[in-house]
Amino acid sequence: MKFEQKQGLIWVPIEVVYEKKHLIIPDCIIDTGSSSTMIDIDLVEFNYKKPAIIKRLFGIGTGKQEVLSQKVDKIIIEQFKLEAVEIEFGTIKENLGINGFIGNDILSKFIVSIDFNQQVINLKLNQ
């Protein structure tokens, strides 16, 4: 999968199926420093009636935010489809300028190799 490198970060698109709606989420970053995956809540028609867990996340420095964690139907990265994945929804675009980030909860399902010269990430499901 091709990626862009901006501001020292790796930017990729992902596809999320939430409430049976397919959404392409551009401008997500690969975040090996995050244990979880998140997308901006304003990019979906969030279902507040569906069970969710409220979490407080802490970032580097004094950054903290309360988010809602819910299962999505599917996350699709390249040709890989991960079913019934728990991700977090919060307001990150406004403050960070990103639509989402892929954390270690998703990355750990793969063997990941990154070629910075070719700007390519190769994913292989971790068996």
N, C-alpha and C. Protein backbone atom coordinates (compact mmCIF):
# COMPACT_ATOMS: atom_id res chain seq x y z
N MET A 1 0.85 -1.17 0.00
CA MET A 1 0.00 0.00 0.00
C MET A 1 0.90 1.23 0.00
N LYS A 2 0.60 2.16 -0.89
CA LYS A 2 1.35 3.41 -0.93
C LYS A 2 0.95 4.29 0.24
N PHE A 3 1.90 5.08 0.73
CA PHE A 3 1.58 6.04 1.79
C PHE A 3 2.23 7.38 1.48
N GLU A 4 1.73 8.39 2.14
CA GLU A 4 2.35 9.72 2.06
C GLU A 4 3.12 9.94 3.35
N GLN A 5 4.20 10.66 3.25
CA GLN A 5 4.94 11.04 4.44
C GLN A 5 4.86 12.56 4.56
N LYS A 6 4.17 13.00 5.62
CA LYS A 6 4.03 14.44 5.88
C LYS A 6 4.28 14.67 7.36
N GLN A 7 4.97 15.74 7.66
CA GLN A 7 5.24 16.13 9.04
C GLN A 7 5.88 14.99 9.84
N GLY A 8 6.67 14.16 9.15
CA GLY A 8 7.34 13.05 9.81
C GLY A 8 6.42 11.89 10.14
N LEU A 9 5.20 11.88 9.60
CA LEU A 9 4.22 10.84 9.89
C LEU A 9 3.86 10.07 8.62
N ILE A 10 3.38 8.84 8.81
CA ILE A 10 2.93 8.00 7.70
C ILE A 10 1.42 8.12 7.60
N TRP A 11 0.94 8.59 6.44
CA TRP A 11 -0.49 8.86 6.21
C TRP A 11 -1.04 7.84 5.21
N VAL A 12 -2.17 7.21 5.59
CA VAL A 12 -2.82 6.21 4.73
C VAL A 12 -4.34 6.38 4.82
N PRO A 13 -5.06 5.91 3.81
CA PRO A 13 -6.52 5.85 3.93
C PRO A 13 -6.93 4.50 4.50
N ILE A 14 -8.07 4.46 5.17
CA ILE A 14 -8.66 3.19 5.58
C ILE A 14 -10.14 3.22 5.21
N GLU A 15 -10.74 2.06 5.19
CA GLU A 15 -12.18 1.97 4.97
C GLU A 15 -12.80 1.38 6.23
N VAL A 16 -13.89 1.99 6.67
CA VAL A 16 -14.61 1.53 7.84
C VAL A 16 -16.05 1.24 7.43
N VAL A 17 -16.56 0.10 7.87
CA VAL A 17 -17.98 -0.19 7.70
C VAL A 17 -18.61 -0.05 9.08
N TYR A 18 -19.45 0.96 9.21
CA TYR A 18 -20.09 1.29 10.48
C TYR A 18 -21.59 1.42 10.23
N GLU A 19 -22.36 0.65 10.99
CA GLU A 19 -23.81 0.65 10.82
C GLU A 19 -24.18 0.36 9.36
N LYS A 20 -23.43 -0.58 8.77
CA LYS A 20 -23.63 -1.05 7.39
C LYS A 20 -23.30 -0.01 6.32
N LYS A 21 -22.69 1.10 6.70
CA LYS A 21 -22.29 2.13 5.73
C LYS A 21 -20.78 2.07 5.53
N HIS A 22 -20.36 2.02 4.25
CA HIS A 22 -18.94 2.00 3.89
C HIS A 22 -18.43 3.43 3.83
N LEU A 23 -17.38 3.70 4.57
CA LEU A 23 -16.79 5.03 4.62
C LEU A 23 -15.30 4.94 4.33
N ILE A 24 -14.85 5.70 3.36
CA ILE A 24 -13.41 5.83 3.12
C ILE A 24 -12.93 6.98 4.01
N ILE A 25 -11.96 6.67 4.85
CA ILE A 25 -11.41 7.68 5.77
C ILE A 25 -9.99 8.00 5.30
N PRO A 26 -9.83 9.12 4.60
CA PRO A 26 -8.47 9.51 4.17
C PRO A 26 -7.72 10.16 5.34
N ASP A 27 -6.45 10.38 5.13
CA ASP A 27 -5.63 11.14 6.09
C ASP A 27 -5.64 10.55 7.49
N CYS A 28 -5.38 9.24 7.57
CA CYS A 28 -5.17 8.58 8.86
C CYS A 28 -3.67 8.33 8.98
N ILE A 29 -3.19 8.27 10.20
CA ILE A 29 -1.76 8.00 10.39
C ILE A 29 -1.56 6.63 11.02
N ILE A 30 -0.41 6.05 10.72
CA ILE A 30 0.03 4.84 11.40
C ILE A 30 0.67 5.31 12.70
N ASP A 31 0.14 4.83 13.83
CA ASP A 31 0.60 5.33 15.13
C ASP A 31 1.02 4.17 16.03
N THR A 32 2.30 3.80 15.94
CA THR A 32 2.80 2.70 16.76
C THR A 32 2.89 3.09 18.23
N GLY A 33 2.71 4.35 18.53
CA GLY A 33 2.72 4.80 19.92
C GLY A 33 1.35 4.75 20.58
N SER A 34 0.35 4.33 19.83
CA SER A 34 -1.01 4.25 20.36
C SER A 34 -1.42 2.79 20.51
N SER A 35 -2.02 2.47 21.64
CA SER A 35 -2.48 1.09 21.85
C SER A 35 -3.79 0.83 21.11
N SER A 36 -4.49 1.89 20.72
CA SER A 36 -5.81 1.73 20.11
C SER A 36 -5.92 2.49 18.80
N THR A 37 -7.02 2.21 18.09
CA THR A 37 -7.33 2.85 16.82
C THR A 37 -8.50 3.80 17.01
N MET A 38 -8.45 4.95 16.37
CA MET A 38 -9.51 5.94 16.53
C MET A 38 -9.80 6.63 15.21
N ILE A 39 -11.06 7.01 15.02
CA ILE A 39 -11.41 7.91 13.91
C ILE A 39 -12.24 9.05 14.49
N ASP A 40 -12.25 10.13 13.75
CA ASP A 40 -12.99 11.31 14.19
C ASP A 40 -14.49 11.02 14.17
N ILE A 41 -15.15 11.32 15.26
CA ILE A 41 -16.57 10.99 15.42
C ILE A 41 -17.45 11.74 14.40
N ASP A 42 -16.98 12.88 13.93
CA ASP A 42 -17.77 13.66 12.98
C ASP A 42 -17.79 13.07 11.57
N LEU A 43 -16.99 12.03 11.33
CA LEU A 43 -16.94 11.41 10.01
C LEU A 43 -18.00 10.32 9.84
N VAL A 44 -18.69 9.97 10.92
CA VAL A 44 -19.73 8.94 10.87
C VAL A 44 -21.02 9.50 11.45
N GLU A 45 -22.10 8.84 11.13
CA GLU A 45 -23.36 9.13 11.82
C GLU A 45 -23.36 8.24 13.05
N PHE A 46 -22.77 8.76 14.12
CA PHE A 46 -22.53 7.94 15.31
C PHE A 46 -23.85 7.50 15.93
N ASN A 47 -23.93 6.22 16.27
CA ASN A 47 -25.13 5.64 16.86
C ASN A 47 -24.99 5.68 18.39
N TYR A 48 -25.59 6.67 19.00
CA TYR A 48 -25.50 6.82 20.45
C TYR A 48 -26.36 5.80 21.19
N LYS A 49 -27.23 5.09 20.48
CA LYS A 49 -28.07 4.07 21.12
C LYS A 49 -27.37 2.71 21.22
N LYS A 50 -26.33 2.53 20.41
CA LYS A 50 -25.55 1.30 20.42
C LYS A 50 -24.65 1.31 21.66
N PRO A 51 -24.49 0.18 22.34
CA PRO A 51 -23.61 0.16 23.52
C PRO A 51 -22.20 0.67 23.20
N ALA A 52 -21.70 1.49 24.09
CA ALA A 52 -20.36 2.06 23.94
C ALA A 52 -19.72 2.17 25.32
N ILE A 53 -18.41 2.20 25.31
CA ILE A 53 -17.64 2.38 26.54
C ILE A 53 -16.99 3.75 26.47
N ILE A 54 -17.09 4.51 27.52
CA ILE A 54 -16.42 5.81 27.59
C ILE A 54 -15.02 5.56 28.16
N LYS A 55 -14.01 6.05 27.45
CA LYS A 55 -12.62 5.90 27.88
C LYS A 55 -11.97 7.27 27.95
N ARG A 56 -11.02 7.40 28.83
CA ARG A 56 -10.20 8.61 28.87
C ARG A 56 -8.81 8.23 28.37
N LEU A 57 -8.41 8.87 27.29
CA LEU A 57 -7.10 8.61 26.69
C LEU A 57 -6.11 9.69 27.11
N PHE A 58 -4.87 9.28 27.30
CA PHE A 58 -3.81 10.21 27.66
C PHE A 58 -2.73 10.13 26.60
N GLY A 59 -2.34 11.28 26.08
CA GLY A 59 -1.29 11.32 25.08
C GLY A 59 -0.01 11.84 25.67
N ILE A 60 0.92 12.14 24.81
CA ILE A 60 2.19 12.69 25.25
C ILE A 60 1.95 14.09 25.82
N GLY A 61 2.62 14.42 26.89
CA GLY A 61 2.43 15.72 27.52
C GLY A 61 1.14 15.73 28.32
N THR A 62 0.39 16.81 28.16
CA THR A 62 -0.84 16.96 28.96
C THR A 62 -2.08 16.61 28.18
N GLY A 63 -1.92 16.04 26.98
CA GLY A 63 -3.07 15.72 26.15
C GLY A 63 -3.93 14.62 26.75
N LYS A 64 -5.23 14.90 26.89
CA LYS A 64 -6.16 13.87 27.32
C LYS A 64 -7.51 14.15 26.68
N GLN A 65 -8.28 13.09 26.49
CA GLN A 65 -9.56 13.22 25.82
C GLN A 65 -10.45 12.05 26.20
N GLU A 66 -11.73 12.32 26.35
CA GLU A 66 -12.69 11.24 26.54
C GLU A 66 -13.22 10.85 25.18
N VAL A 67 -13.29 9.54 24.95
CA VAL A 67 -13.73 9.00 23.67
C VAL A 67 -14.78 7.92 23.92
N LEU A 68 -15.49 7.59 22.86
CA LEU A 68 -16.47 6.51 22.92
C LEU A 68 -15.91 5.33 22.13
N SER A 69 -15.92 4.17 22.72
CA SER A 69 -15.41 2.96 22.08
C SER A 69 -16.59 2.08 21.71
N GLN A 70 -16.62 1.69 20.43
CA GLN A 70 -17.70 0.86 19.90
C GLN A 70 -17.14 -0.10 18.85
N LYS A 71 -17.85 -1.18 18.64
CA LYS A 71 -17.48 -2.09 17.55
C LYS A 71 -17.99 -1.53 16.24
N VAL A 72 -17.15 -1.65 15.23
CA VAL A 72 -17.57 -1.35 13.87
C VAL A 72 -17.76 -2.68 13.16
N ASP A 73 -18.53 -2.68 12.09
CA ASP A 73 -18.77 -3.92 11.35
C ASP A 73 -17.46 -4.48 10.79
N LYS A 74 -16.64 -3.56 10.27
CA LYS A 74 -15.43 -4.00 9.56
C LYS A 74 -14.47 -2.82 9.42
N ILE A 75 -13.18 -3.13 9.44
CA ILE A 75 -12.14 -2.20 9.01
C ILE A 75 -11.43 -2.87 7.85
N ILE A 76 -11.25 -2.12 6.77
CA ILE A 76 -10.58 -2.64 5.59
C ILE A 76 -9.33 -1.81 5.34
N ILE A 77 -8.21 -2.50 5.37
CA ILE A 77 -6.93 -1.86 5.07
C ILE A 77 -6.32 -2.65 3.93
N GLU A 78 -6.18 -1.97 2.80
CA GLU A 78 -5.75 -2.61 1.57
C GLU A 78 -6.76 -3.72 1.26
N GLN A 79 -6.35 -4.97 1.10
CA GLN A 79 -7.30 -6.04 0.80
C GLN A 79 -7.72 -6.80 2.07
N PHE A 80 -7.23 -6.39 3.23
CA PHE A 80 -7.51 -7.11 4.47
C PHE A 80 -8.75 -6.57 5.15
N LYS A 81 -9.64 -7.49 5.51
CA LYS A 81 -10.89 -7.12 6.17
C LYS A 81 -10.89 -7.69 7.58
N LEU A 82 -11.00 -6.82 8.56
CA LEU A 82 -11.07 -7.24 9.96
C LEU A 82 -12.49 -7.01 10.44
N GLU A 83 -13.14 -8.07 10.88
CA GLU A 83 -14.55 -8.03 11.27
C GLU A 83 -14.70 -7.66 12.74
N ALA A 84 -15.81 -6.96 13.05
CA ALA A 84 -16.23 -6.66 14.43
C ALA A 84 -15.07 -6.15 15.28
N VAL A 85 -14.49 -5.06 14.85
CA VAL A 85 -13.34 -4.46 15.51
C VAL A 85 -13.81 -3.32 16.42
N GLU A 86 -13.27 -3.29 17.63
CA GLU A 86 -13.56 -2.22 18.58
C GLU A 86 -12.61 -1.06 18.28
N ILE A 87 -13.18 0.11 17.99
CA ILE A 87 -12.35 1.31 17.80
C ILE A 87 -12.94 2.45 18.62
N GLU A 88 -12.18 3.51 18.70
CA GLU A 88 -12.61 4.67 19.47
C GLU A 88 -13.02 5.79 18.53
N PHE A 89 -13.98 6.56 19.01
CA PHE A 89 -14.47 7.72 18.28
C PHE A 89 -14.27 8.94 19.17
N GLY A 90 -13.64 9.96 18.62
CA GLY A 90 -13.41 11.19 19.37
C GLY A 90 -13.20 12.34 18.42
N THR A 91 -12.90 13.49 18.98
CA THR A 91 -12.66 14.68 18.14
C THR A 91 -11.16 14.87 18.01
N ILE A 92 -10.63 14.43 16.88
CA ILE A 92 -9.19 14.55 16.66
C ILE A 92 -8.85 15.42 15.46
N LYS A 93 -9.75 15.53 14.51
CA LYS A 93 -9.46 16.33 13.32
C LYS A 93 -9.27 17.80 13.70
N GLU A 94 -10.17 18.28 14.52
CA GLU A 94 -10.14 19.69 14.92
C GLU A 94 -8.83 20.07 15.60
N ASN A 95 -8.34 19.20 16.48
CA ASN A 95 -7.14 19.54 17.26
C ASN A 95 -5.85 19.08 16.61
N LEU A 96 -5.90 17.93 15.91
CA LEU A 96 -4.66 17.35 15.39
C LEU A 96 -4.55 17.38 13.87
N GLY A 97 -5.65 17.66 13.16
CA GLY A 97 -5.62 17.73 11.71
C GLY A 97 -5.57 16.37 11.02
N ILE A 98 -5.93 15.32 11.76
CA ILE A 98 -5.96 13.99 11.17
C ILE A 98 -7.37 13.43 11.31
N ASN A 99 -7.75 12.54 10.40
CA ASN A 99 -9.08 11.92 10.47
C ASN A 99 -9.10 10.70 11.38
N GLY A 100 -7.95 10.11 11.59
CA GLY A 100 -7.88 8.93 12.43
C GLY A 100 -6.47 8.42 12.55
N PHE A 101 -6.30 7.41 13.39
CA PHE A 101 -5.01 6.75 13.48
C PHE A 101 -5.21 5.26 13.71
N ILE A 102 -4.28 4.51 13.15
CA ILE A 102 -4.28 3.06 13.29
C ILE A 102 -3.25 2.73 14.36
N GLY A 103 -3.74 2.16 15.45
CA GLY A 103 -2.87 1.85 16.58
C GLY A 103 -2.46 0.38 16.61
N ASN A 104 -1.80 0.02 17.70
CA ASN A 104 -1.25 -1.33 17.84
C ASN A 104 -2.31 -2.42 17.96
N ASP A 105 -3.54 -2.08 18.33
CA ASP A 105 -4.59 -3.09 18.36
C ASP A 105 -4.82 -3.68 16.97
N ILE A 106 -4.72 -2.86 15.94
CA ILE A 106 -4.87 -3.31 14.56
C ILE A 106 -3.52 -3.75 13.99
N LEU A 107 -2.48 -2.96 14.20
CA LEU A 107 -1.17 -3.28 13.63
C LEU A 107 -0.65 -4.63 14.11
N SER A 108 -0.97 -5.02 15.34
CA SER A 108 -0.47 -6.28 15.87
C SER A 108 -1.06 -7.50 15.17
N LYS A 109 -2.08 -7.31 14.37
CA LYS A 109 -2.67 -8.41 13.61
C LYS A 109 -1.88 -8.71 12.32
N PHE A 110 -0.87 -7.88 12.05
CA PHE A 110 -0.12 -7.98 10.81
C PHE A 110 1.38 -8.08 11.07
N ILE A 111 2.07 -8.62 10.09
CA ILE A 111 3.51 -8.42 9.97
C ILE A 111 3.63 -7.21 9.05
N VAL A 112 4.27 -6.17 9.53
CA VAL A 112 4.32 -4.89 8.81
C VAL A 112 5.76 -4.60 8.40
N SER A 113 5.96 -4.29 7.14
CA SER A 113 7.26 -3.79 6.69
C SER A 113 7.03 -2.47 5.97
N ILE A 114 7.92 -1.54 6.26
CA ILE A 114 7.80 -0.18 5.71
C ILE A 114 9.04 0.13 4.89
N ASP A 115 8.84 0.50 3.64
CA ASP A 115 9.92 0.94 2.76
C ASP A 115 9.75 2.45 2.58
N PHE A 116 10.53 3.21 3.33
CA PHE A 116 10.41 4.66 3.28
C PHE A 116 10.84 5.22 1.93
N ASN A 117 11.85 4.61 1.29
CA ASN A 117 12.30 5.10 -0.01
C ASN A 117 11.21 5.00 -1.06
N GLN A 118 10.50 3.87 -1.09
CA GLN A 118 9.43 3.66 -2.07
C GLN A 118 8.08 4.15 -1.57
N GLN A 119 8.01 4.56 -0.31
CA GLN A 119 6.77 4.98 0.35
C GLN A 119 5.68 3.92 0.22
N VAL A 120 6.05 2.69 0.66
CA VAL A 120 5.16 1.54 0.59
C VAL A 120 5.15 0.83 1.94
N ILE A 121 3.95 0.44 2.35
CA ILE A 121 3.80 -0.42 3.52
C ILE A 121 3.29 -1.76 3.01
N ASN A 122 3.97 -2.83 3.41
CA ASN A 122 3.51 -4.18 3.07
C ASN A 122 2.93 -4.82 4.32
N LEU A 123 1.72 -5.34 4.18
CA LEU A 123 1.03 -5.99 5.28
C LEU A 123 0.85 -7.47 4.97
N LYS A 124 1.02 -8.30 5.97
CA LYS A 124 0.76 -9.72 5.86
C LYS A 124 0.08 -10.12 7.16
N LEU A 125 -1.04 -10.82 7.05
CA LEU A 125 -1.75 -11.23 8.26
C LEU A 125 -0.85 -12.08 9.13
N ASN A 126 -0.81 -11.76 10.41
CA ASN A 126 -0.03 -12.48 11.40
C ASN A 126 -0.79 -13.76 11.76
N GLN A 127 -0.31 -14.89 11.33
CA GLN A 127 -1.03 -16.16 11.55
C GLN A 127 -0.83 -16.68 12.94
